[in-house]
Every structure is written in C-alpha cells, then in structure tokens.
C-alpha cells in the first residue's frame, strides 16, 4: 500500500470515528431526554417508574465518549 493510499484510508477512518462519536453523543442525549420526560405524569406509578426504569445514568457512556474523544484528539495531534 502506497503512502497516499494509507493517508486516504486514515482520513476515511478519522471521518468514520468522528461520525461514530457524534452518534454516540446523540444517543446519550436521547437517554437523558427520556429521564427528563414528563410523559405519563398523571399515572400513579409515574414516580416509581422515574426512579426505577427511566432514572438510569449515562455517566459510564459519557466517560467512554470523552475518553474516546481524548484518544482521537491525541492521534490527530501526532500528524
């Protein structure tokens, strides 16, 4: 594989990774929006569902995204 072919493959990989990070961030935001939703507030089990099913945390996903972004930025600076 020639140098320009490697560079092109690297650029395509970086674009795919950046797209993946954007999609992960959108997914994390959609999970946060579920827990902030007030749908079904008239139901007597609303608060139990909020605390149990819908009260999940995105902390682990947010940490993975920020770590992934940090690694990606480090490799970008190596160019």
PDB file of N, CA and C in Angstrom:
ATOM      1  N   UNK A   1       0.846  -1.171   0.000  1.00  0.00           N
ATOM      2  CA  UNK A   1       0.000   0.000   0.000  1.00  0.00           C
ATOM      3  C   UNK A   1       0.895   1.240   0.000  1.00  0.00           C
ATOM      4  N   UNK A   2       0.621   2.138  -0.911  1.00  0.00           N
ATOM      5  CA  UNK A   2       1.436   3.347  -1.032  1.00  0.00           C
ATOM      6  C   UNK A   2       1.054   4.365   0.027  1.00  0.00           C
ATOM      7  N   UNK A   3       1.917   5.331   0.228  1.00  0.00           N
ATOM      8  CA  UNK A   3       1.733   6.318   1.288  1.00  0.00           C
ATOM      9  C   UNK A   3       0.438   7.100   1.099  1.00  0.00           C
ATOM     10  N   UNK A   4       0.150   7.532  -0.120  1.00  0.00           N
ATOM     11  CA  UNK A   4      -1.070   8.312  -0.332  1.00  0.00           C
ATOM     12  C   UNK A   4      -2.327   7.470  -0.113  1.00  0.00           C
ATOM     13  N   UNK A   5      -2.230   6.154  -0.385  1.00  0.00           N
ATOM     14  CA  UNK A   5      -3.362   5.271  -0.126  1.00  0.00           C
ATOM     15  C   UNK A   5      -3.576   5.104   1.380  1.00  0.00           C
ATOM     16  N   UNK A   6      -2.474   5.014   2.134  1.00  0.00           N
ATOM     17  CA  UNK A   6      -2.573   4.925   3.590  1.00  0.00           C
ATOM     18  C   UNK A   6      -3.156   6.206   4.169  1.00  0.00           C
ATOM     19  N   UNK A   7      -2.733   7.338   3.644  1.00  0.00           N
ATOM     20  CA  UNK A   7      -3.236   8.621   4.122  1.00  0.00           C
ATOM     21  C   UNK A   7      -4.728   8.753   3.837  1.00  0.00           C
ATOM     22  N   UNK A   8      -5.157   8.312   2.662  1.00  0.00           N
ATOM     23  CA  UNK A   8      -6.573   8.370   2.320  1.00  0.00           C
ATOM     24  C   UNK A   8      -7.379   7.456   3.238  1.00  0.00           C
ATOM     25  N   UNK A   9      -6.858   6.250   3.499  1.00  0.00           N
ATOM     26  CA  UNK A   9      -7.546   5.312   4.389  1.00  0.00           C
ATOM     27  C   UNK A   9      -7.618   5.880   5.808  1.00  0.00           C
ATOM     28  N   UNK A  10      -6.541   6.531   6.249  1.00  0.00           N
ATOM     29  CA  UNK A  10      -6.514   7.145   7.579  1.00  0.00           C
ATOM     30  C   UNK A  10      -7.560   8.257   7.681  1.00  0.00           C
ATOM     31  N   UNK A  11      -7.645   9.096   6.651  1.00  0.00           N
ATOM     32  CA  UNK A  11      -8.630  10.182   6.663  1.00  0.00           C
ATOM     33  C   UNK A  11     -10.055   9.633   6.684  1.00  0.00           C
ATOM     34  N   UNK A  12     -10.309   8.578   5.932  1.00  0.00           N
ATOM     35  CA  UNK A  12     -11.638   7.961   5.942  1.00  0.00           C
ATOM     36  C   UNK A  12     -11.947   7.366   7.305  1.00  0.00           C
ATOM     37  N   UNK A  13     -10.950   6.749   7.931  1.00  0.00           N
ATOM     38  CA  UNK A  13     -11.132   6.187   9.267  1.00  0.00           C
ATOM     39  C   UNK A  13     -11.456   7.289  10.279  1.00  0.00           C
ATOM     40  N   UNK A  14     -10.749   8.404  10.202  1.00  0.00           N
ATOM     41  CA  UNK A  14     -10.997   9.513  11.118  1.00  0.00           C
ATOM     42  C   UNK A  14     -12.413  10.072  10.937  1.00  0.00           C
ATOM     43  N   UNK A  15     -12.865  10.158   9.683  1.00  0.00           N
ATOM     44  CA  UNK A  15     -14.228  10.635   9.430  1.00  0.00           C
ATOM     45  C   UNK A  15     -15.248   9.675  10.028  1.00  0.00           C
ATOM     46  N   UNK A  16     -15.016   8.368   9.866  1.00  0.00           N
ATOM     47  CA  UNK A  16     -15.923   7.372  10.433  1.00  0.00           C
ATOM     48  C   UNK A  16     -15.948   7.451  11.957  1.00  0.00           C
ATOM     49  N   UNK A  17     -14.791   7.643  12.557  1.00  0.00           N
ATOM     50  CA  UNK A  17     -14.712   7.727  14.017  1.00  0.00           C
ATOM     51  C   UNK A  17     -15.436   8.970  14.513  1.00  0.00           C
ATOM     52  N   UNK A  18     -15.240  10.107  13.844  1.00  0.00           N
ATOM     53  CA  UNK A  18     -15.922  11.327  14.254  1.00  0.00           C
ATOM     54  C   UNK A  18     -17.440  11.179  14.116  1.00  0.00           C
ATOM     55  N   UNK A  19     -17.896  10.521  13.063  1.00  0.00           N
ATOM     56  CA  UNK A  19     -19.323  10.270  12.882  1.00  0.00           C
ATOM     57  C   UNK A  19     -19.839   9.367  13.995  1.00  0.00           C
ATOM     58  N   UNK A  20     -19.060   8.361  14.364  1.00  0.00           N
ATOM     59  CA  UNK A  20     -19.427   7.449  15.444  1.00  0.00           C
ATOM     60  C   UNK A  20     -19.554   8.198  16.772  1.00  0.00           C
ATOM     61  N   UNK A  21     -18.633   9.102  17.043  1.00  0.00           N
ATOM     62  CA  UNK A  21     -18.684   9.889  18.282  1.00  0.00           C
ATOM     63  C   UNK A  21     -19.936  10.763  18.305  1.00  0.00           C
ATOM     64  N   UNK A  22     -20.266  11.374  17.179  1.00  0.00           N
ATOM     65  CA  UNK A  22     -21.476  12.202  17.105  1.00  0.00           C
ATOM     66  C   UNK A  22     -22.714  11.350  17.380  1.00  0.00           C
ATOM     67  N   UNK A  23     -22.764  10.161  16.795  1.00  0.00           N
ATOM     68  CA  UNK A  23     -23.914   9.281  17.007  1.00  0.00           C
ATOM     69  C   UNK A  23     -23.997   8.812  18.452  1.00  0.00           C
ATOM     70  N   UNK A  24     -22.861   8.517  19.074  1.00  0.00           N
ATOM     71  CA  UNK A  24     -22.857   8.132  20.487  1.00  0.00           C
ATOM     72  C   UNK A  24     -23.355   9.273  21.362  1.00  0.00           C
ATOM     73  N   UNK A  25     -22.917  10.480  21.066  1.00  0.00           N
ATOM     74  CA  UNK A  25     -23.345  11.641  21.837  1.00  0.00           C
ATOM     75  C   UNK A  25     -24.842  11.873  21.675  1.00  0.00           C
ATOM     76  N   UNK A  26     -25.350  11.721  20.468  1.00  0.00           N
ATOM     77  CA  UNK A  26     -26.790  11.869  20.247  1.00  0.00           C
ATOM     78  C   UNK A  26     -27.561  10.800  21.009  1.00  0.00           C
ATOM     79  N   UNK A  27     -27.031   9.589  21.039  1.00  0.00           N
ATOM     80  CA  UNK A  27     -27.681   8.509  21.784  1.00  0.00           C
ATOM     81  C   UNK A  27     -27.699   8.814  23.284  1.00  0.00           C
ATOM     82  N   UNK A  28     -26.586   9.309  23.808  1.00  0.00           N
ATOM     83  CA  UNK A  28     -26.526   9.670  25.225  1.00  0.00           C
ATOM     84  C   UNK A  28     -27.523  10.778  25.537  1.00  0.00           C
ATOM     85  N   UNK A  29     -27.633  11.747  24.639  1.00  0.00           N
ATOM     86  CA  UNK A  29     -28.604  12.832  24.839  1.00  0.00           C
ATOM     87  C   UNK A  29     -30.034  12.318  24.800  1.00  0.00           C
ATOM     88  N   UNK A  30     -30.306  11.343  23.918  1.00  0.00           N
ATOM     89  CA  UNK A  30     -31.661  10.794  23.852  1.00  0.00           C
ATOM     90  C   UNK A  30     -32.006  10.035  25.130  1.00  0.00           C
ATOM     91  N   UNK A  31     -31.026   9.372  25.730  1.00  0.00           N
ATOM     92  CA  UNK A  31     -31.270   8.689  27.009  1.00  0.00           C
ATOM     93  C   UNK A  31     -31.558   9.711  28.101  1.00  0.00           C
ATOM     94  N   UNK A  32     -30.819  10.815  28.100  1.00  0.00           N
ATOM     95  CA  UNK A  32     -31.082  11.879  29.076  1.00  0.00           C
ATOM     96  C   UNK A  32     -32.472  12.467  28.888  1.00  0.00           C
ATOM     97  N   UNK A  33     -32.903  12.598  27.648  1.00  0.00           N
ATOM     98  CA  UNK A  33     -34.229  13.171  27.402  1.00  0.00           C
ATOM     99  C   UNK A  33     -35.337  12.249  27.899  1.00  0.00           C
ATOM    100  N   UNK A  34     -35.104  10.942  27.921  1.00  0.00           N
ATOM    101  CA  UNK A  34     -36.102  10.009  28.453  1.00  0.00           C
ATOM    102  C   UNK A  34     -36.291  10.257  29.944  1.00  0.00           C
ATOM    103  N   UNK A  35     -35.196  10.408  30.658  1.00  0.00           N
ATOM    104  CA  UNK A  35     -35.323  10.613  32.098  1.00  0.00           C
ATOM    105  C   UNK A  35     -35.901  11.985  32.429  1.00  0.00           C
ATOM    106  N   UNK A  36     -35.785  12.954  31.529  1.00  0.00           N
ATOM    107  CA  UNK A  36     -36.342  14.288  31.761  1.00  0.00           C
ATOM    108  C   UNK A  36     -37.778  14.417  31.259  1.00  0.00           C
ATOM    109  N   UNK A  37     -38.280  13.388  30.604  1.00  0.00           N
ATOM    110  CA  UNK A  37     -39.629  13.423  30.056  1.00  0.00           C
ATOM    111  C   UNK A  37     -40.664  13.371  31.179  1.00  0.00           C
ATOM    112  N   UNK A  38     -41.776  14.074  30.968  1.00  0.00           N
ATOM    113  CA  UNK A  38     -42.860  14.059  31.944  1.00  0.00           C
ATOM    114  C   UNK A  38     -44.081  13.333  31.391  1.00  0.00           C
ATOM    115  N   UNK A  39     -43.855  12.467  30.424  1.00  0.00           N
ATOM    116  CA  UNK A  39     -44.947  11.694  29.837  1.00  0.00           C
ATOM    117  C   UNK A  39     -45.516  10.735  30.870  1.00  0.00           C
ATOM    118  N   UNK A  40     -46.825  10.697  30.999  1.00  0.00           N
ATOM    119  CA  UNK A  40     -47.486   9.809  31.948  1.00  0.00           C
ATOM    120  C   UNK A  40     -47.496  10.318  33.369  1.00  0.00           C
ATOM    121  N   UNK A  41     -47.336  11.622  33.541  1.00  0.00           N
ATOM    122  CA  UNK A  41     -47.259  12.182  34.888  1.00  0.00           C
ATOM    123  C   UNK A  41     -48.556  11.982  35.676  1.00  0.00           C
ATOM    124  N   UNK A  42     -49.672  11.784  34.980  1.00  0.00           N
ATOM    125  CA  UNK A  42     -50.951  11.578  35.656  1.00  0.00           C
ATOM    126  C   UNK A  42     -51.074  10.170  36.242  1.00  0.00           C
ATOM    127  N   UNK A  43     -50.216   9.277  35.842  1.00  0.00           N
ATOM    128  CA  UNK A  43     -50.268   7.900  36.318  1.00  0.00           C
ATOM    129  C   UNK A  43     -49.778   7.818  37.768  1.00  0.00           C
ATOM    130  N   UNK A  44     -50.408   6.978  38.591  1.00  0.00           N
ATOM    131  CA  UNK A  44     -49.967   6.863  39.987  1.00  0.00           C
ATOM    132  C   UNK A  44     -48.588   6.208  40.135  1.00  0.00           C
ATOM    133  N   UNK A  45     -48.123   5.503  39.103  1.00  0.00           N
ATOM    134  CA  UNK A  45     -46.814   4.852  39.186  1.00  0.00           C
ATOM    135  C   UNK A  45     -45.719   5.664  38.500  1.00  0.00           C
ATOM    136  N   UNK A  46     -46.014   6.933  38.189  1.00  0.00           N
ATOM    137  CA  UNK A  46     -45.060   7.769  37.451  1.00  0.00           C
ATOM    138  C   UNK A  46     -43.733   7.896  38.195  1.00  0.00           C
ATOM    139  N   UNK A  47     -43.773   8.243  39.463  1.00  0.00           N
ATOM    140  CA  UNK A  47     -42.535   8.479  40.204  1.00  0.00           C
ATOM    141  C   UNK A  47     -41.756   7.187  40.442  1.00  0.00           C
ATOM    142  N   UNK A  48     -42.465   6.094  40.605  1.00  0.00           N
ATOM    143  CA  UNK A  48     -41.767   4.807  40.748  1.00  0.00           C
ATOM    144  C   UNK A  48     -41.031   4.452  39.459  1.00  0.00           C
ATOM    145  N   UNK A  49     -41.671   4.708  38.327  1.00  0.00           N
ATOM    146  CA  UNK A  49     -41.004   4.443  37.043  1.00  0.00           C
ATOM    147  C   UNK A  49     -39.825   5.376  36.848  1.00  0.00           C
ATOM    148  N   UNK A  50     -39.980   6.638  37.262  1.00  0.00           N
ATOM    149  CA  UNK A  50     -38.884   7.604  37.119  1.00  0.00           C
ATOM    150  C   UNK A  50     -37.669   7.148  37.914  1.00  0.00           C
ATOM    151  N   UNK A  51     -37.908   6.659  39.106  1.00  0.00           N
ATOM    152  CA  UNK A  51     -36.798   6.240  39.962  1.00  0.00           C
ATOM    153  C   UNK A  51     -36.213   4.908  39.520  1.00  0.00           C
ATOM    154  N   UNK A  52     -37.035   4.051  38.965  1.00  0.00           N
ATOM    155  CA  UNK A  52     -36.567   2.718  38.602  1.00  0.00           C
ATOM    156  C   UNK A  52     -36.134   2.588  37.168  1.00  0.00           C
ATOM    157  N   UNK A  53     -37.083   2.541  36.272  1.00  0.00           N
ATOM    158  CA  UNK A  53     -36.812   2.226  34.877  1.00  0.00           C
ATOM    159  C   UNK A  53     -36.151   3.390  34.146  1.00  0.00           C
ATOM    160  N   UNK A  54     -36.712   4.580  34.273  1.00  0.00           N
ATOM    161  CA  UNK A  54     -36.253   5.703  33.465  1.00  0.00           C
ATOM    162  C   UNK A  54     -35.150   6.519  34.123  1.00  0.00           C
ATOM    163  N   UNK A  55     -34.808   6.200  35.338  1.00  0.00           N
ATOM    164  CA  UNK A  55     -33.817   7.006  36.050  1.00  0.00           C
ATOM    165  C   UNK A  55     -32.398   6.532  35.854  1.00  0.00           C
ATOM    166  N   UNK A  56     -32.123   5.849  34.775  1.00  0.00           N
ATOM    167  CA  UNK A  56     -30.783   5.349  34.515  1.00  0.00           C
ATOM    168  C   UNK A  56     -29.770   6.464  34.328  1.00  0.00           C
ATOM    169  N   UNK A  57     -28.526   6.125  34.513  1.00  0.00           N
ATOM    170  CA  UNK A  57     -27.466   7.121  34.419  1.00  0.00           C
ATOM    171  C   UNK A  57     -26.655   6.912  33.146  1.00  0.00           C
ATOM    172  N   UNK A  58     -26.277   8.009  32.548  1.00  0.00           N
ATOM    173  CA  UNK A  58     -25.437   7.986  31.355  1.00  0.00           C
ATOM    174  C   UNK A  58     -23.970   8.206  31.698  1.00  0.00           C
ATOM    175  N   UNK A  59     -23.637   8.185  32.963  1.00  0.00           N
ATOM    176  CA  UNK A  59     -22.286   8.548  33.380  1.00  0.00           C
ATOM    177  C   UNK A  59     -21.227   7.691  32.695  1.00  0.00           C
ATOM    178  N   UNK A  60     -21.431   6.381  32.663  1.00  0.00           N
ATOM    179  CA  UNK A  60     -20.446   5.494  32.034  1.00  0.00           C
ATOM    180  C   UNK A  60     -20.287   5.768  30.552  1.00  0.00           C
ATOM    181  N   UNK A  61     -21.414   5.979  29.873  1.00  0.00           N
ATOM    182  CA  UNK A  61     -21.371   6.276  28.440  1.00  0.00           C
ATOM    183  C   UNK A  61     -20.681   7.613  28.188  1.00  0.00           C
ATOM    184  N   UNK A  62     -20.983   8.613  28.991  1.00  0.00           N
ATOM    185  CA  UNK A  62     -20.337   9.923  28.834  1.00  0.00           C
ATOM    186  C   UNK A  62     -18.823   9.816  29.067  1.00  0.00           C
ATOM    187  N   UNK A  63     -18.415   9.017  30.037  1.00  0.00           N
ATOM    188  CA  UNK A  63     -16.975   8.826  30.295  1.00  0.00           C
ATOM    189  C   UNK A  63     -16.298   8.144  29.105  1.00  0.00           C
ATOM    190  N   UNK A  64     -16.947   7.132  28.543  1.00  0.00           N
ATOM    191  CA  UNK A  64     -16.370   6.437  27.380  1.00  0.00           C
ATOM    192  C   UNK A  64     -16.243   7.388  26.193  1.00  0.00           C
ATOM    193  N   UNK A  65     -17.266   8.219  25.974  1.00  0.00           N
ATOM    194  CA  UNK A  65     -17.230   9.173  24.864  1.00  0.00           C
ATOM    195  C   UNK A  65     -16.092  10.159  25.049  1.00  0.00           C
ATOM    196  N   UNK A  66     -15.945  10.707  26.264  1.00  0.00           N
ATOM    197  CA  UNK A  66     -14.883  11.697  26.486  1.00  0.00           C
ATOM    198  C   UNK A  66     -13.500  11.053  26.382  1.00  0.00           C
ATOM    199  N   UNK A  67     -13.350   9.820  26.845  1.00  0.00           N
ATOM    200  CA  UNK A  67     -12.070   9.122  26.702  1.00  0.00           C
ATOM    201  C   UNK A  67     -11.752   8.886  25.233  1.00  0.00           C
ATOM    202  N   UNK A  68     -12.757   8.463  24.475  1.00  0.00           N
ATOM    203  CA  UNK A  68     -12.583   8.211  23.049  1.00  0.00           C
ATOM    204  C   UNK A  68     -12.202   9.488  22.316  1.00  0.00           C
ATOM    205  N   UNK A  69     -12.856  10.608  22.672  1.00  0.00           N
ATOM    206  CA  UNK A  69     -12.523  11.896  22.056  1.00  0.00           C
ATOM    207  C   UNK A  69     -11.097  12.304  22.397  1.00  0.00           C
ATOM    208  N   UNK A  70     -10.683  12.062  23.635  1.00  0.00           N
ATOM    209  CA  UNK A  70      -9.314  12.399  24.039  1.00  0.00           C
ATOM    210  C   UNK A  70      -8.277  11.613  23.261  1.00  0.00           C
ATOM    211  N   UNK A  71      -8.506  10.329  23.090  1.00  0.00           N
ATOM    212  CA  UNK A  71      -7.576   9.492  22.324  1.00  0.00           C
ATOM    213  C   UNK A  71      -7.539   9.942  20.870  1.00  0.00           C
ATOM    214  N   UNK A  72      -8.716  10.235  20.308  1.00  0.00           N
ATOM    215  CA  UNK A  72      -8.787  10.694  18.920  1.00  0.00           C
ATOM    216  C   UNK A  72      -8.034  12.012  18.742  1.00  0.00           C
ATOM    217  N   UNK A  73      -8.210  12.938  19.652  1.00  0.00           N
ATOM    218  CA  UNK A  73      -7.509  14.223  19.564  1.00  0.00           C
ATOM    219  C   UNK A  73      -6.001  14.043  19.704  1.00  0.00           C
ATOM    220  N   UNK A  74      -5.566  13.104  20.548  1.00  0.00           N
ATOM    221  CA  UNK A  74      -4.134  12.851  20.698  1.00  0.00           C
ATOM    222  C   UNK A  74      -3.550  12.339  19.391  1.00  0.00           C
ATOM    223  N   UNK A  75      -4.256  11.416  18.716  1.00  0.00           N
ATOM    224  CA  UNK A  75      -3.760  10.903  17.442  1.00  0.00           C
ATOM    225  C   UNK A  75      -3.790  11.969  16.346  1.00  0.00           C
ATOM    226  N   UNK A  76      -4.779  12.877  16.407  1.00  0.00           N
ATOM    227  CA  UNK A  76      -4.822  13.948  15.419  1.00  0.00           C
ATOM    228  C   UNK A  76      -3.628  14.884  15.566  1.00  0.00           C
ATOM    229  N   UNK A  77      -3.196  15.102  16.797  1.00  0.00           N
ATOM    230  CA  UNK A  77      -2.059  15.989  17.028  1.00  0.00           C
ATOM    231  C   UNK A  77      -0.733  15.353  16.595  1.00  0.00           C
ATOM    232  N   UNK A  78      -0.708  14.039  16.426  1.00  0.00           N
ATOM    233  CA  UNK A  78       0.508  13.359  16.001  1.00  0.00           C
ATOM    234  C   UNK A  78       0.829  13.523  14.533  1.00  0.00           C
ATOM    235  N   UNK A  79      -0.132  13.982  13.730  1.00  0.00           N
ATOM    236  CA  UNK A  79       0.070  14.111  12.279  1.00  0.00           C
ATOM    237  C   UNK A  79       1.293  14.913  11.947  1.00  0.00           C
TER     238      UNK A  79
END
